[in-house]
N, C-alpha and C. Protein backbone atom coordinates (compact mmCIF):
# COMPACT_ATOMS: atom_id res chain seq x y z
N MET A 1 62.59 16.14 139.11
CA MET A 1 63.97 15.65 139.01
C MET A 1 63.97 14.15 138.73
N GLU A 2 64.80 13.77 137.82
CA GLU A 2 64.98 12.36 137.48
C GLU A 2 65.76 11.71 138.61
N GLU A 3 65.20 10.68 139.23
CA GLU A 3 65.85 10.10 140.40
C GLU A 3 66.56 8.80 140.09
N ILE A 4 67.18 8.74 138.93
CA ILE A 4 68.02 7.60 138.59
C ILE A 4 69.39 8.13 138.20
N VAL A 5 70.37 7.28 138.38
CA VAL A 5 71.73 7.61 137.97
C VAL A 5 72.00 6.87 136.68
N ARG A 6 72.41 7.59 135.65
CA ARG A 6 72.70 6.98 134.35
C ARG A 6 74.20 6.91 134.16
N VAL A 7 74.63 6.01 133.29
CA VAL A 7 76.05 5.88 132.96
C VAL A 7 76.27 6.53 131.60
N GLY A 8 77.14 7.51 131.59
CA GLY A 8 77.51 8.18 130.35
C GLY A 8 78.93 7.82 129.97
N VAL A 9 79.23 7.97 128.70
CA VAL A 9 80.58 7.72 128.19
C VAL A 9 81.00 8.97 127.43
N SER A 10 82.19 9.48 127.73
CA SER A 10 82.78 10.59 126.99
C SER A 10 84.11 10.14 126.42
N ILE A 11 84.43 10.64 125.22
CA ILE A 11 85.59 10.13 124.50
C ILE A 11 86.60 11.24 124.22
N ILE A 12 87.81 11.04 124.72
CA ILE A 12 88.94 11.90 124.34
C ILE A 12 89.52 11.25 123.09
N ALA A 13 89.15 11.81 121.94
CA ALA A 13 89.59 11.26 120.65
C ALA A 13 90.55 12.27 120.04
N LYS A 14 91.84 11.92 120.05
CA LYS A 14 92.82 12.90 119.56
C LYS A 14 93.76 12.29 118.54
N ARG A 15 94.27 13.16 117.69
CA ARG A 15 95.24 12.74 116.68
C ARG A 15 96.61 12.64 117.33
N ASP A 16 97.37 11.65 116.91
CA ASP A 16 98.70 11.42 117.46
C ASP A 16 99.68 12.51 117.04
N SER A 17 99.57 13.00 115.82
CA SER A 17 100.56 13.93 115.28
C SER A 17 100.55 15.28 115.98
N ASP A 18 99.38 15.84 116.22
CA ASP A 18 99.33 17.18 116.81
C ASP A 18 98.57 17.24 118.13
N GLN A 19 98.04 16.11 118.58
CA GLN A 19 97.33 16.00 119.86
C GLN A 19 96.03 16.81 119.92
N ARG A 20 95.51 17.25 118.77
CA ARG A 20 94.21 17.92 118.80
C ARG A 20 93.11 16.88 119.00
N LEU A 21 92.06 17.27 119.72
CA LEU A 21 90.97 16.36 120.01
C LEU A 21 89.64 16.92 119.53
N ILE A 22 88.67 16.04 119.39
CA ILE A 22 87.35 16.41 118.89
C ILE A 22 86.49 16.95 120.04
N VAL A 23 85.89 18.12 119.81
CA VAL A 23 84.85 18.66 120.69
C VAL A 23 83.71 19.15 119.83
N GLY A 24 82.50 19.09 120.37
CA GLY A 24 81.32 19.50 119.61
C GLY A 24 80.44 20.43 120.40
N LYS A 25 79.67 21.23 119.67
CA LYS A 25 78.71 22.16 120.28
C LYS A 25 77.35 21.47 120.37
N ARG A 26 76.89 21.23 121.60
CA ARG A 26 75.63 20.52 121.86
C ARG A 26 74.42 21.40 121.53
N ILE A 27 73.38 20.75 121.03
CA ILE A 27 72.09 21.43 120.83
C ILE A 27 70.97 20.44 121.18
N GLY A 28 69.80 20.97 121.46
CA GLY A 28 68.61 20.15 121.55
C GLY A 28 68.45 19.27 122.78
N SER A 29 69.28 19.40 123.80
CA SER A 29 69.10 18.58 125.01
C SER A 29 69.73 19.32 126.18
N HIS A 30 69.80 18.63 127.33
CA HIS A 30 70.46 19.28 128.46
C HIS A 30 71.90 19.61 128.06
N GLY A 31 72.35 20.76 128.48
CA GLY A 31 73.68 21.21 128.08
C GLY A 31 73.71 21.86 126.72
N ALA A 32 72.56 22.26 126.19
CA ALA A 32 72.52 22.91 124.88
C ALA A 32 73.40 24.15 124.90
N ASP A 33 74.07 24.40 123.78
CA ASP A 33 74.96 25.55 123.60
C ASP A 33 76.24 25.45 124.43
N THR A 34 76.58 24.24 124.85
CA THR A 34 77.87 24.04 125.52
C THR A 34 78.73 23.12 124.66
N TRP A 35 80.02 23.16 124.90
CA TRP A 35 80.97 22.31 124.18
C TRP A 35 81.21 21.03 124.96
N ALA A 36 81.31 19.91 124.24
CA ALA A 36 81.45 18.61 124.89
C ALA A 36 82.30 17.68 124.05
N LEU A 37 82.78 16.64 124.69
CA LEU A 37 83.43 15.55 123.98
C LEU A 37 82.36 14.68 123.34
N PRO A 38 82.70 13.91 122.31
CA PRO A 38 81.73 12.94 121.79
C PRO A 38 81.37 11.94 122.88
N GLY A 39 80.18 11.41 122.83
CA GLY A 39 79.79 10.40 123.81
C GLY A 39 78.29 10.26 123.92
N GLY A 40 77.87 9.46 124.87
CA GLY A 40 76.44 9.22 125.07
C GLY A 40 76.22 8.27 126.22
N HIS A 41 75.08 7.63 126.22
CA HIS A 41 74.71 6.73 127.31
C HIS A 41 75.04 5.28 127.00
N LEU A 42 75.46 4.58 128.02
CA LEU A 42 75.73 3.15 127.94
C LEU A 42 74.41 2.40 127.78
N GLU A 43 74.37 1.46 126.84
CA GLU A 43 73.19 0.63 126.65
C GLU A 43 73.33 -0.67 127.44
N TYR A 44 72.21 -1.28 127.75
CA TYR A 44 72.19 -2.52 128.52
C TYR A 44 73.09 -3.57 127.86
N GLY A 45 73.98 -4.17 128.66
CA GLY A 45 74.85 -5.25 128.19
C GLY A 45 76.06 -4.78 127.40
N GLU A 46 76.25 -3.49 127.25
CA GLU A 46 77.32 -2.95 126.42
C GLU A 46 78.57 -2.66 127.26
N SER A 47 79.74 -2.96 126.72
CA SER A 47 80.99 -2.59 127.40
C SER A 47 81.23 -1.10 127.20
N PHE A 48 82.06 -0.52 128.05
CA PHE A 48 82.41 0.90 127.90
C PHE A 48 83.05 1.14 126.53
N GLU A 49 83.92 0.23 126.13
CA GLU A 49 84.64 0.38 124.86
C GLU A 49 83.71 0.28 123.66
N ALA A 50 82.76 -0.67 123.72
CA ALA A 50 81.79 -0.81 122.63
C ALA A 50 80.89 0.43 122.55
N CYS A 51 80.52 0.98 123.69
CA CYS A 51 79.72 2.19 123.71
C CYS A 51 80.50 3.35 123.08
N ALA A 52 81.76 3.49 123.44
CA ALA A 52 82.58 4.56 122.88
C ALA A 52 82.69 4.42 121.36
N SER A 53 82.93 3.21 120.88
CA SER A 53 83.03 2.96 119.45
C SER A 53 81.72 3.33 118.74
N ARG A 54 80.61 2.88 119.29
CA ARG A 54 79.30 3.15 118.70
C ARG A 54 79.00 4.65 118.69
N GLU A 55 79.19 5.30 119.84
CA GLU A 55 78.87 6.72 119.93
C GLU A 55 79.75 7.58 119.02
N LEU A 56 81.05 7.27 118.96
CA LEU A 56 81.94 8.05 118.09
C LEU A 56 81.48 7.92 116.64
N TYR A 57 81.10 6.72 116.23
CA TYR A 57 80.65 6.51 114.86
C TYR A 57 79.30 7.20 114.61
N GLU A 58 78.35 7.02 115.53
CA GLU A 58 77.02 7.62 115.35
C GLU A 58 77.10 9.14 115.27
N GLU A 59 77.99 9.74 116.05
CA GLU A 59 78.04 11.20 116.14
C GLU A 59 78.95 11.85 115.10
N THR A 60 80.07 11.18 114.75
CA THR A 60 81.07 11.83 113.89
C THR A 60 81.34 11.10 112.58
N GLY A 61 80.84 9.87 112.45
CA GLY A 61 81.13 9.07 111.26
C GLY A 61 82.49 8.41 111.28
N ILE A 62 83.22 8.52 112.38
CA ILE A 62 84.55 7.91 112.50
C ILE A 62 84.40 6.56 113.19
N PHE A 63 84.78 5.49 112.48
CA PHE A 63 84.69 4.16 113.09
C PHE A 63 86.05 3.72 113.59
N LEU A 64 86.09 3.34 114.86
CA LEU A 64 87.25 2.71 115.47
C LEU A 64 86.74 1.50 116.23
N SER A 65 87.50 0.43 116.22
CA SER A 65 87.10 -0.79 116.91
C SER A 65 87.12 -0.56 118.43
N PRO A 66 86.24 -1.24 119.17
CA PRO A 66 86.23 -1.10 120.63
C PRO A 66 87.61 -1.34 121.25
N SER A 67 88.43 -2.19 120.63
CA SER A 67 89.76 -2.48 121.19
C SER A 67 90.69 -1.27 121.13
N GLN A 68 90.30 -0.21 120.41
CA GLN A 68 91.13 0.98 120.29
C GLN A 68 90.83 2.04 121.35
N PHE A 69 89.96 1.70 122.30
CA PHE A 69 89.57 2.64 123.37
C PHE A 69 90.09 2.13 124.71
N THR A 70 90.53 3.06 125.55
CA THR A 70 91.02 2.73 126.88
C THR A 70 90.33 3.62 127.91
N VAL A 71 89.83 3.04 128.98
CA VAL A 71 89.24 3.82 130.07
C VAL A 71 90.36 4.57 130.79
N VAL A 72 90.18 5.88 130.97
CA VAL A 72 91.22 6.69 131.62
C VAL A 72 90.74 7.44 132.85
N ASP A 73 89.43 7.55 133.05
CA ASP A 73 88.94 8.30 134.20
C ASP A 73 87.46 8.02 134.41
N THR A 74 86.95 8.39 135.57
CA THR A 74 85.54 8.29 135.91
C THR A 74 85.15 9.55 136.65
N LEU A 75 84.00 10.12 136.29
CA LEU A 75 83.52 11.35 136.94
C LEU A 75 82.12 11.13 137.48
N ASN A 76 81.84 11.72 138.63
CA ASN A 76 80.50 11.72 139.20
C ASN A 76 79.90 13.08 138.89
N CYS A 77 79.00 13.13 137.91
CA CYS A 77 78.46 14.40 137.42
C CYS A 77 77.02 14.59 137.87
N ILE A 78 76.87 15.36 138.94
CA ILE A 78 75.54 15.71 139.44
C ILE A 78 75.18 17.05 138.80
N MET A 79 74.06 17.06 138.08
CA MET A 79 73.67 18.26 137.33
C MET A 79 72.28 18.71 137.78
N PRO A 80 72.19 19.35 138.98
CA PRO A 80 70.89 19.73 139.50
C PRO A 80 70.13 20.70 138.60
N GLU A 81 70.86 21.53 137.85
CA GLU A 81 70.18 22.48 136.96
C GLU A 81 69.42 21.79 135.84
N TYR A 82 69.77 20.52 135.55
CA TYR A 82 69.07 19.74 134.54
C TYR A 82 68.27 18.59 135.17
N GLY A 83 68.36 18.43 136.49
CA GLY A 83 67.68 17.33 137.16
C GLY A 83 68.26 15.98 136.80
N LYS A 84 69.57 15.94 136.60
CA LYS A 84 70.22 14.70 136.16
C LYS A 84 71.43 14.37 137.03
N HIS A 85 71.76 13.10 137.06
CA HIS A 85 72.94 12.59 137.75
C HIS A 85 73.52 11.48 136.88
N HIS A 86 74.74 11.69 136.41
CA HIS A 86 75.42 10.70 135.56
C HIS A 86 76.76 10.33 136.16
N VAL A 87 77.11 9.08 136.06
CA VAL A 87 78.49 8.65 136.26
C VAL A 87 79.05 8.59 134.85
N THR A 88 80.10 9.36 134.60
CA THR A 88 80.65 9.45 133.26
C THR A 88 81.99 8.73 133.19
N ILE A 89 82.07 7.75 132.32
CA ILE A 89 83.29 7.00 132.09
C ILE A 89 84.03 7.70 130.94
N ILE A 90 85.28 8.07 131.18
CA ILE A 90 86.08 8.76 130.16
C ILE A 90 86.99 7.73 129.51
N LEU A 91 86.91 7.65 128.18
CA LEU A 91 87.79 6.77 127.41
C LEU A 91 88.63 7.62 126.48
N GLN A 92 89.78 7.07 126.11
CA GLN A 92 90.69 7.76 125.20
C GLN A 92 91.00 6.87 124.01
N THR A 93 91.21 7.51 122.86
CA THR A 93 91.59 6.79 121.65
C THR A 93 92.42 7.70 120.77
N VAL A 94 93.11 7.11 119.82
CA VAL A 94 93.90 7.86 118.84
C VAL A 94 93.15 7.86 117.52
N LEU A 95 92.99 9.03 116.95
CA LEU A 95 92.29 9.18 115.69
C LEU A 95 93.20 8.95 114.50
N PRO A 96 92.67 8.46 113.40
CA PRO A 96 93.45 8.40 112.17
C PRO A 96 93.82 9.84 111.75
N GLU A 97 94.99 10.00 111.19
CA GLU A 97 95.47 11.33 110.82
C GLU A 97 94.56 12.05 109.83
N ASP A 98 93.93 11.32 108.95
CA ASP A 98 93.13 11.94 107.90
C ASP A 98 91.64 12.08 108.27
N CYS A 99 91.29 11.84 109.51
CA CYS A 99 89.88 11.86 109.88
C CYS A 99 89.34 13.29 109.88
N LYS A 100 88.08 13.39 109.48
CA LYS A 100 87.36 14.65 109.50
C LYS A 100 86.00 14.37 110.12
N PRO A 101 85.81 14.79 111.38
CA PRO A 101 84.52 14.52 112.02
C PRO A 101 83.38 15.22 111.27
N GLN A 102 82.30 14.48 111.09
CA GLN A 102 81.11 15.00 110.42
C GLN A 102 79.97 15.07 111.42
N VAL A 103 79.08 16.01 111.25
CA VAL A 103 77.89 16.10 112.09
C VAL A 103 76.89 15.07 111.57
N LYS A 104 76.78 13.94 112.26
CA LYS A 104 75.88 12.86 111.86
C LYS A 104 74.54 12.91 112.60
N GLU A 105 74.49 13.68 113.68
CA GLU A 105 73.24 13.84 114.44
C GLU A 105 72.97 15.35 114.57
N PRO A 106 72.48 15.98 113.50
CA PRO A 106 72.32 17.43 113.51
C PRO A 106 71.30 17.96 114.52
N ASN A 107 70.49 17.08 115.07
CA ASN A 107 69.55 17.48 116.11
C ASN A 107 70.21 17.48 117.50
N LYS A 108 71.45 16.99 117.58
CA LYS A 108 72.17 16.91 118.85
C LYS A 108 73.46 17.71 118.88
N CYS A 109 74.05 17.95 117.70
CA CYS A 109 75.35 18.61 117.64
C CYS A 109 75.38 19.59 116.48
N LYS A 110 75.76 20.83 116.76
CA LYS A 110 75.83 21.86 115.73
C LYS A 110 77.09 21.72 114.88
N GLU A 111 78.22 21.41 115.51
CA GLU A 111 79.49 21.30 114.80
C GLU A 111 80.51 20.53 115.62
N TRP A 112 81.50 19.97 114.93
CA TRP A 112 82.65 19.33 115.57
C TRP A 112 83.89 20.13 115.20
N ARG A 113 84.82 20.26 116.14
CA ARG A 113 86.09 20.91 115.87
C ARG A 113 87.22 20.06 116.43
N LEU A 114 88.38 20.16 115.80
CA LEU A 114 89.62 19.59 116.35
C LEU A 114 90.36 20.73 117.02
N VAL A 115 90.57 20.62 118.33
CA VAL A 115 91.22 21.68 119.10
C VAL A 115 92.28 21.10 120.03
N TYR A 116 93.19 21.96 120.45
CA TYR A 116 94.19 21.57 121.44
C TYR A 116 93.56 21.62 122.83
N TRP A 117 94.00 20.73 123.70
CA TRP A 117 93.47 20.64 125.07
C TRP A 117 93.49 22.01 125.75
N ASN A 118 94.59 22.75 125.60
CA ASN A 118 94.70 24.04 126.31
C ASN A 118 93.86 25.14 125.66
N GLN A 119 93.16 24.86 124.58
CA GLN A 119 92.28 25.84 123.93
C GLN A 119 90.80 25.60 124.23
N ILE A 120 90.49 24.51 124.88
CA ILE A 120 89.08 24.15 125.09
C ILE A 120 88.32 25.22 125.85
N GLN A 121 88.91 25.74 126.92
CA GLN A 121 88.20 26.72 127.73
C GLN A 121 87.90 28.00 126.97
N SER A 122 88.67 28.30 125.94
CA SER A 122 88.44 29.53 125.17
C SER A 122 87.26 29.39 124.19
N LEU A 123 86.71 28.18 124.04
CA LEU A 123 85.58 27.98 123.13
C LEU A 123 84.30 28.61 123.64
N GLY A 124 84.16 28.70 124.94
CA GLY A 124 82.92 29.21 125.54
C GLY A 124 82.48 28.27 126.65
N GLU A 125 81.18 28.23 126.90
CA GLU A 125 80.66 27.41 128.00
C GLU A 125 80.84 25.93 127.69
N LEU A 126 81.28 25.18 128.71
CA LEU A 126 81.56 23.75 128.56
C LEU A 126 80.48 22.92 129.24
N PHE A 127 80.17 21.78 128.65
CA PHE A 127 79.25 20.82 129.25
C PHE A 127 79.88 20.32 130.55
N ILE A 128 79.07 20.08 131.55
CA ILE A 128 79.56 19.77 132.90
C ILE A 128 80.61 18.65 132.92
N PRO A 129 80.41 17.51 132.25
CA PRO A 129 81.47 16.48 132.32
C PRO A 129 82.81 16.96 131.76
N LEU A 130 82.81 17.75 130.69
CA LEU A 130 84.07 18.25 130.14
C LEU A 130 84.68 19.27 131.10
N ARG A 131 83.87 20.13 131.67
CA ARG A 131 84.38 21.10 132.65
C ARG A 131 85.02 20.38 133.83
N ARG A 132 84.34 19.35 134.35
CA ARG A 132 84.89 18.58 135.46
C ARG A 132 86.20 17.88 135.08
N LEU A 133 86.23 17.34 133.87
CA LEU A 133 87.44 16.65 133.39
C LEU A 133 88.63 17.61 133.34
N LEU A 134 88.40 18.83 132.89
CA LEU A 134 89.48 19.82 132.84
C LEU A 134 90.01 20.14 134.24
N GLU A 135 89.15 20.05 135.24
CA GLU A 135 89.55 20.32 136.62
C GLU A 135 90.46 19.23 137.18
N VAL A 136 90.27 18.00 136.72
CA VAL A 136 90.96 16.87 137.36
C VAL A 136 92.05 16.22 136.50
N ARG A 137 92.16 16.59 135.22
CA ARG A 137 93.04 15.82 134.36
C ARG A 137 93.74 16.72 133.33
N ALA A 138 95.00 16.45 133.13
CA ALA A 138 95.75 17.06 132.03
C ALA A 138 95.94 15.97 130.98
N VAL A 139 95.40 16.19 129.79
CA VAL A 139 95.47 15.17 128.75
C VAL A 139 96.78 15.30 128.00
């Protein structure tokens, strides 16, 4: 078991017009074959907002400035089945209407979809931070 606590960032990135948000199917790491929000780990010296901007771009090809992200929640995600413990910072942003998320890291994500919040659970198994977020928050 990894005996360190890491800081993760997850992004609720949704379009203003229809409120659909980006979710992706994870592959190749802990939580493989589960659905998750875009995100990743905070790097040394990085703000939460800068991390969200970087991760959204690296994963989906959508660039938004760090000033376009707002912290909306924090989750304590203990994942004994993976030997991991993350504190996950949840940020929210509004997507451009014409955005189309692309799979930029095919070794980490099989696909991205735009879905409504109330449809997320029907996708299948959810990554632990997204499952926890659904328990505590209505977006």
